[in-house]
Amino acid sequence: MIITLEDALKRISELEVENANLKAELEEYRGRKFAGRQKHDAAWTQSYNDFAVKFESGMTIMEIVAEGKISRRTAYRYKAYYDALRQRELEDCQ
């Protein structure tokens, strides 16, 4: 219990320090990368575009994977994304 002005000022100082520590902790969480797939950033877009060009030129998924730049799972994920984009383009044209 706070009785004197000195006790109140001491408690305010303690709370300011605690507040600063919590703000620093919050900033760590804001800058943290979470697990799982990341958003479609520049590296992802470049990788997908490389896949799309090769796939459209007639290469099979396994030939693209054999080059070693992406995994088989990623290639099939890109293929699903590619198919969804093509489907959406067809629907927009109708």
C-alpha atoms as a PDB file:
ATOM      1  CA  MET A   1       0.000   0.000   0.000  1.00  0.00           C
ATOM      2  CA  ILE A   2       1.275   3.451  -0.932  1.00  0.00           C
ATOM      3  CA  ILE A   3       1.221   5.885   1.966  1.00  0.00           C
ATOM      4  CA  THR A   4       3.717   8.639   1.172  1.00  0.00           C
ATOM      5  CA  LEU A   5       4.661  10.614  -1.882  1.00  0.00           C
ATOM      6  CA  GLU A   6       8.063   8.906  -1.903  1.00  0.00           C
ATOM      7  CA  ASP A   7       6.382   5.478  -2.029  1.00  0.00           C
ATOM      8  CA  ALA A   8       4.214   6.653  -4.924  1.00  0.00           C
ATOM      9  CA  LEU A   9       7.198   7.999  -6.874  1.00  0.00           C
ATOM     10  CA  LYS A  10       9.128   4.786  -6.247  1.00  0.00           C
ATOM     11  CA  ARG A  11       6.174   2.727  -7.509  1.00  0.00           C
ATOM     12  CA  ILE A  12       5.860   4.950 -10.597  1.00  0.00           C
ATOM     13  CA  SER A  13       9.534   4.361 -11.380  1.00  0.00           C
ATOM     14  CA  GLU A  14       9.059   0.589 -11.026  1.00  0.00           C
ATOM     15  CA  LEU A  15       6.043   0.669 -13.335  1.00  0.00           C
ATOM     16  CA  GLU A  16       7.907   2.739 -15.938  1.00  0.00           C
ATOM     17  CA  VAL A  17      10.715   0.165 -15.993  1.00  0.00           C
ATOM     18  CA  GLU A  18       8.189  -2.670 -16.285  1.00  0.00           C
ATOM     19  CA  ASN A  19       6.393  -0.821 -19.071  1.00  0.00           C
ATOM     20  CA  ALA A  20       9.657  -0.323 -20.992  1.00  0.00           C
ATOM     21  CA  ASN A  21      10.477  -4.028 -20.669  1.00  0.00           C
ATOM     22  CA  LEU A  22       7.032  -5.019 -21.927  1.00  0.00           C
ATOM     23  CA  LYS A  23       7.330  -2.645 -24.900  1.00  0.00           C
ATOM     24  CA  ALA A  24      10.686  -4.209 -25.808  1.00  0.00           C
ATOM     25  CA  GLU A  25       9.167  -7.690 -25.569  1.00  0.00           C
ATOM     26  CA  LEU A  26       6.261  -6.611 -27.758  1.00  0.00           C
ATOM     27  CA  GLU A  27       8.664  -5.334 -30.423  1.00  0.00           C
ATOM     28  CA  GLU A  28      10.393  -8.735 -30.439  1.00  0.00           C
ATOM     29  CA  TYR A  29       7.059 -10.405 -31.156  1.00  0.00           C
ATOM     30  CA  ARG A  30       6.172  -7.918 -33.895  1.00  0.00           C
ATOM     31  CA  GLY A  31       9.426  -8.600 -35.750  1.00  0.00           C
ATOM     32  CA  ARG A  32       9.256 -12.350 -35.305  1.00  0.00           C
ATOM     33  CA  LYS A  33       8.757 -14.687 -38.250  1.00  0.00           C
ATOM     34  CA  PHE A  34       6.162 -17.290 -37.562  1.00  0.00           C
ATOM     35  CA  ALA A  35       6.379 -20.913 -38.655  1.00  0.00           C
ATOM     36  CA  GLY A  36       4.826 -22.111 -41.850  1.00  0.00           C
ATOM     37  CA  ARG A  37       4.854 -20.779 -45.356  1.00  0.00           C
ATOM     38  CA  GLN A  38       5.637 -17.142 -45.761  1.00  0.00           C
ATOM     39  CA  LYS A  39       3.757 -14.647 -47.869  1.00  0.00           C
ATOM     40  CA  HIS A  40       4.407 -14.370 -51.570  1.00  0.00           C
ATOM     41  CA  ASP A  41       7.499 -12.208 -51.422  1.00  0.00           C
ATOM     42  CA  ALA A  42       9.935 -11.406 -54.237  1.00  0.00           C
ATOM     43  CA  ALA A  43      11.877 -14.677 -53.869  1.00  0.00           C
ATOM     44  CA  TRP A  44       8.682 -16.740 -53.980  1.00  0.00           C
ATOM     45  CA  THR A  45       7.409 -14.840 -57.006  1.00  0.00           C
ATOM     46  CA  GLN A  46      10.696 -15.336 -58.877  1.00  0.00           C
ATOM     47  CA  SER A  47      10.706 -19.055 -58.091  1.00  0.00           C
ATOM     48  CA  TYR A  48       7.075 -19.435 -59.169  1.00  0.00           C
ATOM     49  CA  ASN A  49       7.647 -17.481 -62.384  1.00  0.00           C
ATOM     50  CA  ASP A  50      10.633 -19.699 -63.237  1.00  0.00           C
ATOM     51  CA  PHE A  51       8.414 -22.738 -62.685  1.00  0.00           C
ATOM     52  CA  ALA A  52       5.592 -21.301 -64.827  1.00  0.00           C
ATOM     53  CA  VAL A  53       7.903 -20.512 -67.744  1.00  0.00           C
ATOM     54  CA  LYS A  54       9.380 -24.011 -67.689  1.00  0.00           C
ATOM     55  CA  PHE A  55       5.984 -25.661 -67.284  1.00  0.00           C
ATOM     56  CA  GLU A  56       4.482 -23.646 -70.151  1.00  0.00           C
ATOM     57  CA  SER A  57       7.440 -24.558 -72.364  1.00  0.00           C
ATOM     58  CA  GLY A  58       6.460 -28.216 -72.017  1.00  0.00           C
ATOM     59  CA  MET A  59       8.688 -29.489 -69.232  1.00  0.00           C
ATOM     60  CA  THR A  60       7.108 -32.004 -66.889  1.00  0.00           C
ATOM     61  CA  ILE A  61       7.031 -31.453 -63.159  1.00  0.00           C
ATOM     62  CA  MET A  62       9.614 -34.171 -62.626  1.00  0.00           C
ATOM     63  CA  GLU A  63      11.977 -32.555 -65.170  1.00  0.00           C
ATOM     64  CA  ILE A  64      11.647 -29.241 -63.352  1.00  0.00           C
ATOM     65  CA  VAL A  65      12.288 -30.934 -60.000  1.00  0.00           C
ATOM     66  CA  ALA A  66      15.299 -32.778 -61.439  1.00  0.00           C
ATOM     67  CA  GLU A  67      17.003 -29.426 -61.979  1.00  0.00           C
ATOM     68  CA  GLY A  68      17.186 -29.234 -58.179  1.00  0.00           C
ATOM     69  CA  LYS A  69      15.962 -25.684 -57.586  1.00  0.00           C
ATOM     70  CA  ILE A  70      12.611 -26.652 -56.016  1.00  0.00           C
ATOM     71  CA  SER A  71      11.278 -29.727 -54.264  1.00  0.00           C
ATOM     72  CA  ARG A  72       8.623 -31.999 -55.710  1.00  0.00           C
ATOM     73  CA  ARG A  73       6.107 -30.800 -53.128  1.00  0.00           C
ATOM     74  CA  THR A  74       6.805 -27.173 -54.021  1.00  0.00           C
ATOM     75  CA  ALA A  75       6.436 -27.983 -57.722  1.00  0.00           C
ATOM     76  CA  TYR A  76       3.012 -29.525 -57.135  1.00  0.00           C
ATOM     77  CA  ARG A  77       2.036 -26.547 -54.974  1.00  0.00           C
ATOM     78  CA  TYR A  78       3.089 -24.204 -57.780  1.00  0.00           C
ATOM     79  CA  LYS A  79       1.139 -26.351 -60.268  1.00  0.00           C
ATOM     80  CA  ALA A  80      -2.013 -26.046 -58.151  1.00  0.00           C
ATOM     81  CA  TYR A  81      -1.519 -22.282 -57.944  1.00  0.00           C
ATOM     82  CA  TYR A  82      -0.881 -22.172 -61.716  1.00  0.00           C
ATOM     83  CA  ASP A  83      -4.078 -24.144 -62.410  1.00  0.00           C
ATOM     84  CA  ALA A  84      -6.108 -21.866 -60.127  1.00  0.00           C
ATOM     85  CA  LEU A  85      -4.817 -18.763 -61.921  1.00  0.00           C
ATOM     86  CA  ARG A  86      -5.612 -20.255 -65.341  1.00  0.00           C
ATOM     87  CA  GLN A  87      -9.117 -21.215 -64.167  1.00  0.00           C
ATOM     88  CA  ARG A  88      -9.709 -17.702 -62.892  1.00  0.00           C
ATOM     89  CA  GLU A  89      -8.507 -16.250 -66.225  1.00  0.00           C
ATOM     90  CA  LEU A  90     -10.928 -18.502 -68.119  1.00  0.00           C
ATOM     91  CA  GLU A  91     -13.813 -17.456 -65.897  1.00  0.00           C
ATOM     92  CA  ASP A  92     -12.952 -13.781 -66.378  1.00  0.00           C
ATOM     93  CA  CYS A  93     -12.937 -14.188 -70.174  1.00  0.00           C
ATOM     94  CA  GLN A  94     -16.483 -15.610 -70.231  1.00  0.00           C
END
